[in-house]
Structure formats: structure tokens, C-alpha cells
Amino acid sequence: MHIKKNDQVLVLSGDYKGKRGKVLKVFPGRQRVIVEGVNFIKRHMRPSQTMPQGGIIKKEAPVHVSNVMLIDPKTNEATRVRYDYLENNEKRARRKVRYAKKSGEMIPDPM
């Protein structure tokens, strides 16, 4: 998947179109991501020990990965992602890295 946790993304469709946010969680099997401040749902919670009052809470719901686009850290604009390999001649190892299509810059892994 081209989106990883802690990436900055732009929402492309839906009620939150045009909103930017940080990816909080990624579900690769379901091809969905949870974006901070996007796609809120209301959840009716029964009283429990952690929530003795119960009540209605708002939380973010997953968004399909096709509805978000990565923001290029250099230009601060939405961009598509391409993949390439970095060669390490000492160990004969290859590492797959992401590149922004617009600027051609390598996208560092978010931490």
C-alpha cells in the first residue's frame, strides 16, 4: 500500500473532500486508513468500568485508501507515488523506497 502510518494525506472524495490530516492507523488487508479529524461517526457506548456514564462518543472511521492521496513533503501538494529500489553494494541488498511523482524526491519513511 502506498500510504503508511504518520503520513500526511489529502482526502479526495466524500464529505471531507479537501481536508488534510495525519494517518493514525492502516488496515492493509481491508485497504483502509484512519485519518485524523476525518470521517467521524457517533458510537453509542453502554456504561462500563472505563466509561461509567456511557453515552455517545465521536471517533474517526476508516476511509478507503483510494480516496486519499499522499502529500509531498517538499512541495506540500498532493502527489502520486512511485516505487524504486536503493542498492547497497556492500551487502548486495535492495531496499524499496517511495518517490513523489511531482517532485521526484524520495519520501522518507514516517516515524
PDB file of N, CA and C in Angstrom:
ATOM      1  N   MET A   1       0.827  -1.168   0.000  1.00  0.00           N
ATOM      2  CA  MET A   1       0.000   0.000   0.000  1.00  0.00           C
ATOM      3  C   MET A   1       0.886   1.252   0.000  1.00  0.00           C
ATOM      4  N   HIS A   2       0.438   2.298  -0.693  1.00  0.00           N
ATOM      5  CA  HIS A   2       1.282   3.481  -0.840  1.00  0.00           C
ATOM      6  C   HIS A   2       1.161   4.456   0.329  1.00  0.00           C
ATOM      7  N   ILE A   3       0.250   4.209   1.250  1.00  0.00           N
ATOM      8  CA  ILE A   3       0.079   5.061   2.422  1.00  0.00           C
ATOM      9  C   ILE A   3       0.564   4.306   3.653  1.00  0.00           C
ATOM     10  N   LYS A   4       1.314   5.000   4.515  1.00  0.00           N
ATOM     11  CA  LYS A   4       1.806   4.399   5.746  1.00  0.00           C
ATOM     12  C   LYS A   4       1.366   5.242   6.932  1.00  0.00           C
ATOM     13  N   LYS A   5       1.486   4.672   8.124  1.00  0.00           N
ATOM     14  CA  LYS A   5       1.119   5.375   9.350  1.00  0.00           C
ATOM     15  C   LYS A   5       1.980   6.631   9.498  1.00  0.00           C
ATOM     16  N   ASN A   6       1.382   7.709   9.978  1.00  0.00           N
ATOM     17  CA  ASN A   6       2.001   9.024  10.191  1.00  0.00           C
ATOM     18  C   ASN A   6       2.228   9.817   8.913  1.00  0.00           C
ATOM     19  N   ASP A   7       1.783   9.339   7.750  1.00  0.00           N
ATOM     20  CA  ASP A   7       1.853  10.118   6.511  1.00  0.00           C
ATOM     21  C   ASP A   7       0.831  11.248   6.572  1.00  0.00           C
ATOM     22  N   GLN A   8       1.136  12.354   5.896  1.00  0.00           N
ATOM     23  CA  GLN A   8       0.169  13.429   5.706  1.00  0.00           C
ATOM     24  C   GLN A   8      -0.564  13.153   4.399  1.00  0.00           C
ATOM     25  N   VAL A   9      -1.909  13.181   4.427  1.00  0.00           N
ATOM     26  CA  VAL A   9      -2.694  12.864   3.243  1.00  0.00           C
ATOM     27  C   VAL A   9      -3.759  13.920   3.010  1.00  0.00           C
ATOM     28  N   LEU A  10      -4.259  13.949   1.772  1.00  0.00           N
ATOM     29  CA  LEU A  10      -5.347  14.815   1.356  1.00  0.00           C
ATOM     30  C   LEU A  10      -6.525  13.924   1.002  1.00  0.00           C
ATOM     31  N   VAL A  11      -7.715  14.248   1.505  1.00  0.00           N
ATOM     32  CA  VAL A  11      -8.916  13.467   1.204  1.00  0.00           C
ATOM     33  C   VAL A  11      -9.449  13.925  -0.147  1.00  0.00           C
ATOM     34  N   LEU A  12      -9.699  12.967  -1.070  1.00  0.00           N
ATOM     35  CA  LEU A  12     -10.088  13.283  -2.430  1.00  0.00           C
ATOM     36  C   LEU A  12     -11.592  13.287  -2.660  1.00  0.00           C
ATOM     37  N   SER A  13     -12.349  12.535  -1.860  1.00  0.00           N
ATOM     38  CA  SER A  13     -13.789  12.464  -2.099  1.00  0.00           C
ATOM     39  C   SER A  13     -14.538  12.284  -0.798  1.00  0.00           C
ATOM     40  N   GLY A  14     -15.834  12.525  -0.851  1.00  0.00           N
ATOM     41  CA  GLY A  14     -16.680  12.371   0.316  1.00  0.00           C
ATOM     42  C   GLY A  14     -16.960  13.692   1.002  1.00  0.00           C
ATOM     43  N   ASP A  15     -17.553  13.606   2.183  1.00  0.00           N
ATOM     44  CA  ASP A  15     -17.927  14.808   2.932  1.00  0.00           C
ATOM     45  C   ASP A  15     -16.717  15.629   3.357  1.00  0.00           C
ATOM     46  N   TYR A  16     -15.575  14.995   3.508  1.00  0.00           N
ATOM     47  CA  TYR A  16     -14.364  15.672   3.995  1.00  0.00           C
ATOM     48  C   TYR A  16     -13.390  15.977   2.860  1.00  0.00           C
ATOM     49  N   LYS A  17     -13.885  16.090   1.636  1.00  0.00           N
ATOM     50  CA  LYS A  17     -13.037  16.353   0.470  1.00  0.00           C
ATOM     51  C   LYS A  17     -12.244  17.645   0.667  1.00  0.00           C
ATOM     52  N   GLY A  18     -10.921  17.565   0.388  1.00  0.00           N
ATOM     53  CA  GLY A  18     -10.054  18.728   0.513  1.00  0.00           C
ATOM     54  C   GLY A  18      -9.404  18.871   1.876  1.00  0.00           C
ATOM     55  N   LYS A  19      -9.807  18.066   2.838  1.00  0.00           N
ATOM     56  CA  LYS A  19      -9.234  18.161   4.186  1.00  0.00           C
ATOM     57  C   LYS A  19      -7.942  17.364   4.255  1.00  0.00           C
ATOM     58  N   ARG A  20      -6.973  17.897   4.983  1.00  0.00           N
ATOM     59  CA  ARG A  20      -5.688  17.220   5.184  1.00  0.00           C
ATOM     60  C   ARG A  20      -5.626  16.669   6.590  1.00  0.00           C
ATOM     61  N   GLY A  21      -4.883  15.573   6.739  1.00  0.00           N
ATOM     62  CA  GLY A  21      -4.746  15.002   8.057  1.00  0.00           C
ATOM     63  C   GLY A  21      -3.653  13.959   8.095  1.00  0.00           C
ATOM     64  N   LYS A  22      -3.323  13.522   9.306  1.00  0.00           N
ATOM     65  CA  LYS A  22      -2.288  12.515   9.520  1.00  0.00           C
ATOM     66  C   LYS A  22      -2.948  11.143   9.616  1.00  0.00           C
ATOM     67  N   VAL A  23      -2.308  10.148   9.027  1.00  0.00           N
ATOM     68  CA  VAL A  23      -2.821   8.786   9.088  1.00  0.00           C
ATOM     69  C   VAL A  23      -2.519   8.210  10.471  1.00  0.00           C
ATOM     70  N   LEU A  24      -3.574   7.785  11.165  1.00  0.00           N
ATOM     71  CA  LEU A  24      -3.423   7.241  12.505  1.00  0.00           C
ATOM     72  C   LEU A  24      -3.230   5.736  12.500  1.00  0.00           C
ATOM     73  N   LYS A  25      -3.908   5.046  11.585  1.00  0.00           N
ATOM     74  CA  LYS A  25      -3.847   3.596  11.540  1.00  0.00           C
ATOM     75  C   LYS A  25      -4.091   3.128  10.117  1.00  0.00           C
ATOM     76  N   VAL A  26      -3.440   2.021   9.737  1.00  0.00           N
ATOM     77  CA  VAL A  26      -3.562   1.465   8.392  1.00  0.00           C
ATOM     78  C   VAL A  26      -4.053   0.025   8.495  1.00  0.00           C
ATOM     79  N   PHE A  27      -5.025  -0.321   7.649  1.00  0.00           N
ATOM     80  CA  PHE A  27      -5.539  -1.684   7.559  1.00  0.00           C
ATOM     81  C   PHE A  27      -5.256  -2.208   6.155  1.00  0.00           C
ATOM     82  N   PRO A  28      -4.068  -2.818   5.919  1.00  0.00           N
ATOM     83  CA  PRO A  28      -3.701  -3.225   4.562  1.00  0.00           C
ATOM     84  C   PRO A  28      -4.619  -4.304   3.981  1.00  0.00           C
ATOM     85  N   GLY A  29      -5.097  -5.210   4.809  1.00  0.00           N
ATOM     86  CA  GLY A  29      -5.964  -6.276   4.313  1.00  0.00           C
ATOM     87  C   GLY A  29      -7.293  -5.753   3.798  1.00  0.00           C
ATOM     88  N   ARG A  30      -7.798  -4.726   4.448  1.00  0.00           N
ATOM     89  CA  ARG A  30      -9.071  -4.131   4.051  1.00  0.00           C
ATOM     90  C   ARG A  30      -8.893  -2.923   3.137  1.00  0.00           C
ATOM     91  N   GLN A  31      -7.646  -2.511   2.897  1.00  0.00           N
ATOM     92  CA  GLN A  31      -7.288  -1.351   2.079  1.00  0.00           C
ATOM     93  C   GLN A  31      -7.957  -0.074   2.593  1.00  0.00           C
ATOM     94  N   ARG A  32      -7.858   0.133   3.894  1.00  0.00           N
ATOM     95  CA  ARG A  32      -8.462   1.305   4.509  1.00  0.00           C
ATOM     96  C   ARG A  32      -7.469   1.969   5.465  1.00  0.00           C
ATOM     97  N   VAL A  33      -7.680   3.267   5.683  1.00  0.00           N
ATOM     98  CA  VAL A  33      -6.850   4.026   6.612  1.00  0.00           C
ATOM     99  C   VAL A  33      -7.748   4.885   7.492  1.00  0.00           C
ATOM    100  N   ILE A  34      -7.274   5.165   8.705  1.00  0.00           N
ATOM    101  CA  ILE A  34      -7.965   6.109   9.581  1.00  0.00           C
ATOM    102  C   ILE A  34      -7.164   7.398   9.570  1.00  0.00           C
ATOM    103  N   VAL A  35      -7.826   8.495   9.193  1.00  0.00           N
ATOM    104  CA  VAL A  35      -7.174   9.802   9.080  1.00  0.00           C
ATOM    105  C   VAL A  35      -7.677  10.687  10.220  1.00  0.00           C
ATOM    106  N   GLU A  36      -6.737  11.389  10.842  1.00  0.00           N
ATOM    107  CA  GLU A  36      -7.057  12.248  11.982  1.00  0.00           C
ATOM    108  C   GLU A  36      -8.000  13.376  11.562  1.00  0.00           C
ATOM    109  N   GLY A  37      -9.139  13.487  12.256  1.00  0.00           N
ATOM    110  CA  GLY A  37     -10.085  14.570  12.001  1.00  0.00           C
ATOM    111  C   GLY A  37     -10.969  14.374  10.792  1.00  0.00           C
ATOM    112  N   VAL A  38     -11.061  13.146  10.276  1.00  0.00           N
ATOM    113  CA  VAL A  38     -11.832  12.884   9.062  1.00  0.00           C
ATOM    114  C   VAL A  38     -12.771  11.707   9.293  1.00  0.00           C
ATOM    115  N   ASN A  39     -13.978  11.780   8.723  1.00  0.00           N
ATOM    116  CA  ASN A  39     -14.954  10.686   8.698  1.00  0.00           C
ATOM    117  C   ASN A  39     -15.383  10.275  10.105  1.00  0.00           C
ATOM    118  N   PHE A  40     -15.935  11.223  10.847  1.00  0.00           N
ATOM    119  CA  PHE A  40     -16.392  10.946  12.206  1.00  0.00           C
ATOM    120  C   PHE A  40     -17.694  10.162  12.197  1.00  0.00           C
ATOM    121  N   ILE A  41     -17.804   9.236  13.151  1.00  0.00           N
ATOM    122  CA  ILE A  41     -19.045   8.512  13.393  1.00  0.00           C
ATOM    123  C   ILE A  41     -19.391   8.670  14.869  1.00  0.00           C
ATOM    124  N   LYS A  42     -20.669   8.470  15.196  1.00  0.00           N
ATOM    125  CA  LYS A  42     -21.089   8.509  16.596  1.00  0.00           C
ATOM    126  C   LYS A  42     -21.316   7.085  17.053  1.00  0.00           C
ATOM    127  N   ARG A  43     -20.737   6.749  18.184  1.00  0.00           N
ATOM    128  CA  ARG A  43     -20.830   5.398  18.717  1.00  0.00           C
ATOM    129  C   ARG A  43     -21.556   5.456  20.054  1.00  0.00           C
ATOM    130  N   HIS A  44     -22.646   4.700  20.185  1.00  0.00           N
ATOM    131  CA  HIS A  44     -23.395   4.647  21.445  1.00  0.00           C
ATOM    132  C   HIS A  44     -22.735   3.617  22.344  1.00  0.00           C
ATOM    133  N   MET A  45     -22.181   4.083  23.472  1.00  0.00           N
ATOM    134  CA  MET A  45     -21.448   3.210  24.370  1.00  0.00           C
ATOM    135  C   MET A  45     -22.280   2.907  25.614  1.00  0.00           C
ATOM    136  N   ARG A  46     -22.337   1.643  25.950  1.00  0.00           N
ATOM    137  CA  ARG A  46     -23.005   1.186  27.161  1.00  0.00           C
ATOM    138  C   ARG A  46     -22.097   1.507  28.346  1.00  0.00           C
ATOM    139  N   PRO A  47     -22.657   1.797  29.513  1.00  0.00           N
ATOM    140  CA  PRO A  47     -21.805   2.060  30.681  1.00  0.00           C
ATOM    141  C   PRO A  47     -20.899   0.869  31.008  1.00  0.00           C
ATOM    142  N   SER A  48     -19.639   1.158  31.288  1.00  0.00           N
ATOM    143  CA  SER A  48     -18.667   0.123  31.634  1.00  0.00           C
ATOM    144  C   SER A  48     -17.752   0.695  32.703  1.00  0.00           C
ATOM    145  N   GLN A  49     -16.747  -0.093  33.093  1.00  0.00           N
ATOM    146  CA  GLN A  49     -15.832   0.422  34.113  1.00  0.00           C
ATOM    147  C   GLN A  49     -14.975   1.559  33.590  1.00  0.00           C
ATOM    148  N   THR A  50     -14.586   1.484  32.324  1.00  0.00           N
ATOM    149  CA  THR A  50     -13.774   2.573  31.765  1.00  0.00           C
ATOM    150  C   THR A  50     -14.621   3.812  31.493  1.00  0.00           C
ATOM    151  N   MET A  51     -15.892   3.615  31.134  1.00  0.00           N
ATOM    152  CA  MET A  51     -16.827   4.728  30.904  1.00  0.00           C
ATOM    153  C   MET A  51     -18.058   4.506  31.776  1.00  0.00           C
ATOM    154  N   PRO A  52     -18.024   4.904  33.058  1.00  0.00           N
ATOM    155  CA  PRO A  52     -19.145   4.611  33.941  1.00  0.00           C
ATOM    156  C   PRO A  52     -20.448   5.294  33.518  1.00  0.00           C
ATOM    157  N   GLN A  53     -20.344   6.420  32.814  1.00  0.00           N
ATOM    158  CA  GLN A  53     -21.544   7.134  32.378  1.00  0.00           C
ATOM    159  C   GLN A  53     -22.120   6.551  31.093  1.00  0.00           C
ATOM    160  N   GLY A  54     -21.256   5.952  30.244  1.00  0.00           N
ATOM    161  CA  GLY A  54     -21.730   5.540  28.924  1.00  0.00           C
ATOM    162  C   GLY A  54     -21.921   6.770  28.072  1.00  0.00           C
ATOM    163  N   GLY A  55     -22.803   6.700  27.087  1.00  0.00           N
ATOM    164  CA  GLY A  55     -23.122   7.875  26.284  1.00  0.00           C
ATOM    165  C   GLY A  55     -22.688   7.714  24.840  1.00  0.00           C
ATOM    166  N   ILE A  56     -22.701   8.823  24.131  1.00  0.00           N
ATOM    167  CA  ILE A  56     -22.380   8.843  22.705  1.00  0.00           C
ATOM    168  C   ILE A  56     -21.005   9.472  22.542  1.00  0.00           C
ATOM    169  N   ILE A  57     -20.093   8.753  21.861  1.00  0.00           N
ATOM    170  CA  ILE A  57     -18.756   9.296  21.602  1.00  0.00           C
ATOM    171  C   ILE A  57     -18.567   9.444  20.093  1.00  0.00           C
ATOM    172  N   LYS A  58     -17.749  10.408  19.705  1.00  0.00           N
ATOM    173  CA  LYS A  58     -17.414  10.596  18.292  1.00  0.00           C
ATOM    174  C   LYS A  58     -16.006  10.067  18.066  1.00  0.00           C
ATOM    175  N   LYS A  59     -15.820   9.305  17.000  1.00  0.00           N
ATOM    176  CA  LYS A  59     -14.488   8.822  16.667  1.00  0.00           C
ATOM    177  C   LYS A  59     -14.361   8.698  15.160  1.00  0.00           C
ATOM    178  N   GLU A  60     -13.099   8.603  14.701  1.00  0.00           N
ATOM    179  CA  GLU A  60     -12.841   8.512  13.269  1.00  0.00           C
ATOM    180  C   GLU A  60     -13.114   7.095  12.776  1.00  0.00           C
ATOM    181  N   ALA A  61     -13.691   6.989  11.595  1.00  0.00           N
ATOM    182  CA  ALA A  61     -13.939   5.700  10.958  1.00  0.00           C
ATOM    183  C   ALA A  61     -12.965   5.541   9.792  1.00  0.00           C
ATOM    184  N   PRO A  62     -12.711   4.315   9.348  1.00  0.00           N
ATOM    185  CA  PRO A  62     -11.783   4.105   8.231  1.00  0.00           C
ATOM    186  C   PRO A  62     -12.292   4.691   6.910  1.00  0.00           C
ATOM    187  N   VAL A  63     -11.345   5.112   6.077  1.00  0.00           N
ATOM    188  CA  VAL A  63     -11.608   5.626   4.736  1.00  0.00           C
ATOM    189  C   VAL A  63     -10.854   4.723   3.764  1.00  0.00           C
ATOM    190  N   HIS A  64     -11.439   4.463   2.590  1.00  0.00           N
ATOM    191  CA  HIS A  64     -10.740   3.631   1.615  1.00  0.00           C
ATOM    192  C   HIS A  64      -9.497   4.350   1.120  1.00  0.00           C
ATOM    193  N   VAL A  65      -8.443   3.585   0.890  1.00  0.00           N
ATOM    194  CA  VAL A  65      -7.146   4.165   0.541  1.00  0.00           C
ATOM    195  C   VAL A  65      -7.190   4.876  -0.816  1.00  0.00           C
ATOM    196  N   SER A  66      -8.140   4.517  -1.688  1.00  0.00           N
ATOM    197  CA  SER A  66      -8.242   5.184  -2.988  1.00  0.00           C
ATOM    198  C   SER A  66      -8.804   6.592  -2.859  1.00  0.00           C
ATOM    199  N   ASN A  67      -9.374   6.920  -1.715  1.00  0.00           N
ATOM    200  CA  ASN A  67      -9.950   8.246  -1.501  1.00  0.00           C
ATOM    201  C   ASN A  67      -9.000   9.219  -0.816  1.00  0.00           C
ATOM    202  N   VAL A  68      -7.754   8.821  -0.613  1.00  0.00           N
ATOM    203  CA  VAL A  68      -6.755   9.721  -0.044  1.00  0.00           C
ATOM    204  C   VAL A  68      -5.522   9.734  -0.943  1.00  0.00           C
ATOM    205  N   MET A  69      -4.803  10.854  -0.895  1.00  0.00           N
ATOM    206  CA  MET A  69      -3.589  11.000  -1.698  1.00  0.00           C
ATOM    207  C   MET A  69      -2.484  11.558  -0.818  1.00  0.00           C
ATOM    208  N   LEU A  70      -1.301  11.012  -0.963  1.00  0.00           N
ATOM    209  CA  LEU A  70      -0.155  11.414  -0.162  1.00  0.00           C
ATOM    210  C   LEU A  70       0.246  12.850  -0.475  1.00  0.00           C
ATOM    211  N   ILE A  71       0.672  13.591   0.550  1.00  0.00           N
ATOM    212  CA  ILE A  71       1.150  14.958   0.370  1.00  0.00           C
ATOM    213  C   ILE A  71       2.665  14.923   0.311  1.00  0.00           C
ATOM    214  N   ASP A  72       3.212  15.499  -0.760  1.00  0.00           N
ATOM    215  CA  ASP A  72       4.654  15.553  -0.963  1.00  0.00           C
ATOM    216  C   ASP A  72       5.272  16.466   0.090  1.00  0.00           C
ATOM    217  N   PRO A  73       6.241  15.970   0.891  1.00  0.00           N
ATOM    218  CA  PRO A  73       6.818  16.814   1.941  1.00  0.00           C
ATOM    219  C   PRO A  73       7.585  18.020   1.408  1.00  0.00           C
ATOM    220  N   LYS A  74       8.093  17.951   0.188  1.00  0.00           N
ATOM    221  CA  LYS A  74       8.885  19.065  -0.357  1.00  0.00           C
ATOM    222  C   LYS A  74       7.986  20.189  -0.875  1.00  0.00           C
ATOM    223  N   THR A  75       6.987  19.854  -1.705  1.00  0.00           N
ATOM    224  CA  THR A  75       6.138  20.876  -2.321  1.00  0.00           C
ATOM    225  C   THR A  75       4.862  21.141  -1.542  1.00  0.00           C
ATOM    226  N   ASN A  76       4.523  20.278  -0.576  1.00  0.00           N
ATOM    227  CA  ASN A  76       3.309  20.398   0.224  1.00  0.00           C
ATOM    228  C   ASN A  76       2.055  20.313  -0.634  1.00  0.00           C
ATOM    229  N   GLU A  77       2.108  19.544  -1.726  1.00  0.00           N
ATOM    230  CA  GLU A  77       0.961  19.304  -2.595  1.00  0.00           C
ATOM    231  C   GLU A  77       0.711  17.804  -2.686  1.00  0.00           C
ATOM    232  N   ALA A  78      -0.503  17.448  -3.070  1.00  0.00           N
ATOM    233  CA  ALA A  78      -0.837  16.039  -3.236  1.00  0.00           C
ATOM    234  C   ALA A  78      -0.099  15.475  -4.447  1.00  0.00           C
ATOM    235  N   THR A  79       0.379  14.243  -4.331  1.00  0.00           N
ATOM    236  CA  THR A  79       1.136  13.629  -5.404  1.00  0.00           C
ATOM    237  C   THR A  79       0.891  12.133  -5.433  1.00  0.00           C
ATOM    238  N   ARG A  80       1.097  11.556  -6.604  1.00  0.00           N
ATOM    239  CA  ARG A  80       1.061  10.107  -6.703  1.00  0.00           C
ATOM    240  C   ARG A  80       2.413   9.562  -6.257  1.00  0.00           C
ATOM    241  N   VAL A  81       2.456   8.249  -6.036  1.00  0.00           N
ATOM    242  CA  VAL A  81       3.661   7.621  -5.502  1.00  0.00           C
ATOM    243  C   VAL A  81       4.187   6.616  -6.504  1.00  0.00           C
ATOM    244  N   ARG A  82       5.509   6.616  -6.693  1.00  0.00           N
ATOM    245  CA  ARG A  82       6.153   5.564  -7.477  1.00  0.00           C
ATOM    246  C   ARG A  82       7.178   4.889  -6.592  1.00  0.00           C
ATOM    247  N   TYR A  83       7.528   3.674  -6.944  1.00  0.00           N
ATOM    248  CA  TYR A  83       8.487   2.911  -6.153  1.00  0.00           C
ATOM    249  C   TYR A  83       9.751   2.678  -6.950  1.00  0.00           C
ATOM    250  N   ASP A  84      10.874   2.637  -6.248  1.00  0.00           N
ATOM    251  CA  ASP A  84      12.151   2.308  -6.845  1.00  0.00           C
ATOM    252  C   ASP A  84      12.984   1.614  -5.777  1.00  0.00           C
ATOM    253  N   TYR A  85      14.120   1.099  -6.175  1.00  0.00           N
ATOM    254  CA  TYR A  85      14.963   0.364  -5.245  1.00  0.00           C
ATOM    255  C   TYR A  85      16.275   1.089  -5.041  1.00  0.00           C
ATOM    256  N   LEU A  86      16.736   1.141  -3.801  1.00  0.00           N
ATOM    257  CA  LEU A  86      18.058   1.652  -3.481  1.00  0.00           C
ATOM    258  C   LEU A  86      18.988   0.459  -3.338  1.00  0.00           C
ATOM    259  N   GLU A  87      20.111   0.515  -4.012  1.00  0.00           N
ATOM    260  CA  GLU A  87      21.073  -0.585  -3.981  1.00  0.00           C
ATOM    261  C   GLU A  87      22.100  -0.340  -2.884  1.00  0.00           C
ATOM    262  N   ASN A  88      22.459  -1.376  -2.180  1.00  0.00           N
ATOM    263  CA  ASN A  88      23.532  -1.321  -1.199  1.00  0.00           C
ATOM    264  C   ASN A  88      24.558  -2.360  -1.643  1.00  0.00           C
ATOM    265  N   ASN A  89      25.643  -1.904  -2.265  1.00  0.00           N
ATOM    266  CA  ASN A  89      26.616  -2.820  -2.867  1.00  0.00           C
ATOM    267  C   ASN A  89      27.365  -3.655  -1.835  1.00  0.00           C
ATOM    268  N   GLU A  90      27.536  -3.130  -0.627  1.00  0.00           N
ATOM    269  CA  GLU A  90      28.278  -3.873   0.380  1.00  0.00           C
ATOM    270  C   GLU A  90      27.579  -5.179   0.746  1.00  0.00           C
ATOM    271  N   LYS A  91      26.284  -5.100   0.964  1.00  0.00           N
ATOM    272  CA  LYS A  91      25.545  -6.274   1.406  1.00  0.00           C
ATOM    273  C   LYS A  91      24.748  -6.927   0.281  1.00  0.00           C
ATOM    274  N   ARG A  92      24.817  -6.353  -0.896  1.00  0.00           N
ATOM    275  CA  ARG A  92      24.017  -6.804  -2.043  1.00  0.00           C
ATOM    276  C   ARG A  92      22.534  -6.814  -1.698  1.00  0.00           C
ATOM    277  N   ALA A  93      22.126  -5.797  -0.978  1.00  0.00           N
ATOM    278  CA  ALA A  93      20.740  -5.700  -0.538  1.00  0.00           C
ATOM    279  C   ALA A  93      20.043  -4.588  -1.311  1.00  0.00           C
ATOM    280  N   ARG A  94      18.759  -4.780  -1.515  1.00  0.00           N
ATOM    281  CA  ARG A  94      17.930  -3.764  -2.160  1.00  0.00           C
ATOM    282  C   ARG A  94      16.843  -3.363  -1.183  1.00  0.00           C
ATOM    283  N   ARG A  95      16.559  -2.057  -1.177  1.00  0.00           N
ATOM    284  CA  ARG A  95      15.513  -1.550  -0.302  1.00  0.00           C
ATOM    285  C   ARG A  95      14.497  -0.795  -1.141  1.00  0.00           C
ATOM    286  N   LYS A  96      13.235  -1.141  -0.997  1.00  0.00           N
ATOM    287  CA  LYS A  96      12.172  -0.497  -1.748  1.00  0.00           C
ATOM    288  C   LYS A  96      11.830   0.832  -1.073  1.00  0.00           C
ATOM    289  N   VAL A  97      11.837   1.926  -1.846  1.00  0.00           N
ATOM    290  CA  VAL A  97      11.542   3.245  -1.300  1.00  0.00           C
ATOM    291  C   VAL A  97      10.481   3.931  -2.152  1.00  0.00           C
ATOM    292  N   ARG A  98       9.795   4.893  -1.536  1.00  0.00           N
ATOM    293  CA  ARG A  98       8.750   5.641  -2.229  1.00  0.00           C
ATOM    294  C   ARG A  98       9.305   6.958  -2.761  1.00  0.00           C
ATOM    295  N   TYR A  99       8.843   7.355  -3.950  1.00  0.00           N
ATOM    296  CA  TYR A  99       9.213   8.635  -4.559  1.00  0.00           C
ATOM    297  C   TYR A  99       7.941   9.383  -4.940  1.00  0.00           C
ATOM    298  N   ALA A 100       7.976  10.709  -4.817  1.00  0.00           N
ATOM    299  CA  ALA A 100       6.851  11.541  -5.241  1.00  0.00           C
ATOM    300  C   ALA A 100       6.942  11.738  -6.743  1.00  0.00           C
ATOM    301  N   LYS A 101       5.828  11.555  -7.435  1.00  0.00           N
ATOM    302  CA  LYS A 101       5.824  11.707  -8.890  1.00  0.00           C
ATOM    303  C   LYS A 101       6.042  13.158  -9.298  1.00  0.00           C
ATOM    304  N   LYS A 102       5.471  14.114  -8.549  1.00  0.00           N
ATOM    305  CA  LYS A 102       5.561  15.516  -8.947  1.00  0.00           C
ATOM    306  C   LYS A 102       6.962  16.067  -8.821  1.00  0.00           C
ATOM    307  N   SER A 103       7.585  15.880  -7.664  1.00  0.00           N
ATOM    308  CA  SER A 103       8.897  16.482  -7.432  1.00  0.00           C
ATOM    309  C   SER A 103      10.049  15.514  -7.695  1.00  0.00           C
ATOM    310  N   GLY A 104       9.774  14.225  -7.721  1.00  0.00           N
ATOM    311  CA  GLY A 104      10.826  13.242  -7.922  1.00  0.00           C
ATOM    312  C   GLY A 104      11.646  12.967  -6.672  1.00  0.00           C
ATOM    313  N   GLU A 105      11.284  13.584  -5.558  1.00  0.00           N
ATOM    314  CA  GLU A 105      12.011  13.422  -4.307  1.00  0.00           C
ATOM    315  C   GLU A 105      11.620  12.125  -3.613  1.00  0.00           C
ATOM    316  N   MET A 106      12.578  11.567  -2.889  1.00  0.00           N
ATOM    317  CA  MET A 106      12.312  10.370  -2.105  1.00  0.00           C
ATOM    318  C   MET A 106      11.467  10.751  -0.894  1.00  0.00           C
ATOM    319  N   ILE A 107      10.457   9.963  -0.598  1.00  0.00           N
ATOM    320  CA  ILE A 107       9.593  10.213   0.551  1.00  0.00           C
ATOM    321  C   ILE A 107      10.147   9.415   1.716  1.00  0.00           C
ATOM    322  N   PRO A 108      10.589  10.091   2.763  1.00  0.00           N
ATOM    323  CA  PRO A 108      11.164   9.350   3.900  1.00  0.00           C
ATOM    324  C   PRO A 108      10.083   8.554   4.622  1.00  0.00           C
ATOM    325  N   ASP A 109      10.487   7.439   5.221  1.00  0.00           N
ATOM    326  CA  ASP A 109       9.546   6.641   5.987  1.00  0.00           C
ATOM    327  C   ASP A 109       9.101   7.435   7.197  1.00  0.00           C
ATOM    328  N   PRO A 110       7.794   7.551   7.431  1.00  0.00           N
ATOM    329  CA  PRO A 110       7.317   8.304   8.604  1.00  0.00           C
ATOM    330  C   PRO A 110       7.631   7.551   9.888  1.00  0.00           C
ATOM    331  N   MET A 111       7.941   8.270  10.929  1.00  0.00           N
ATOM    332  CA  MET A 111       8.247   7.635  12.217  1.00  0.00           C
ATOM    333  C   MET A 111       7.253   8.070  13.261  1.00  0.00           C
TER     334      MET A 111
END
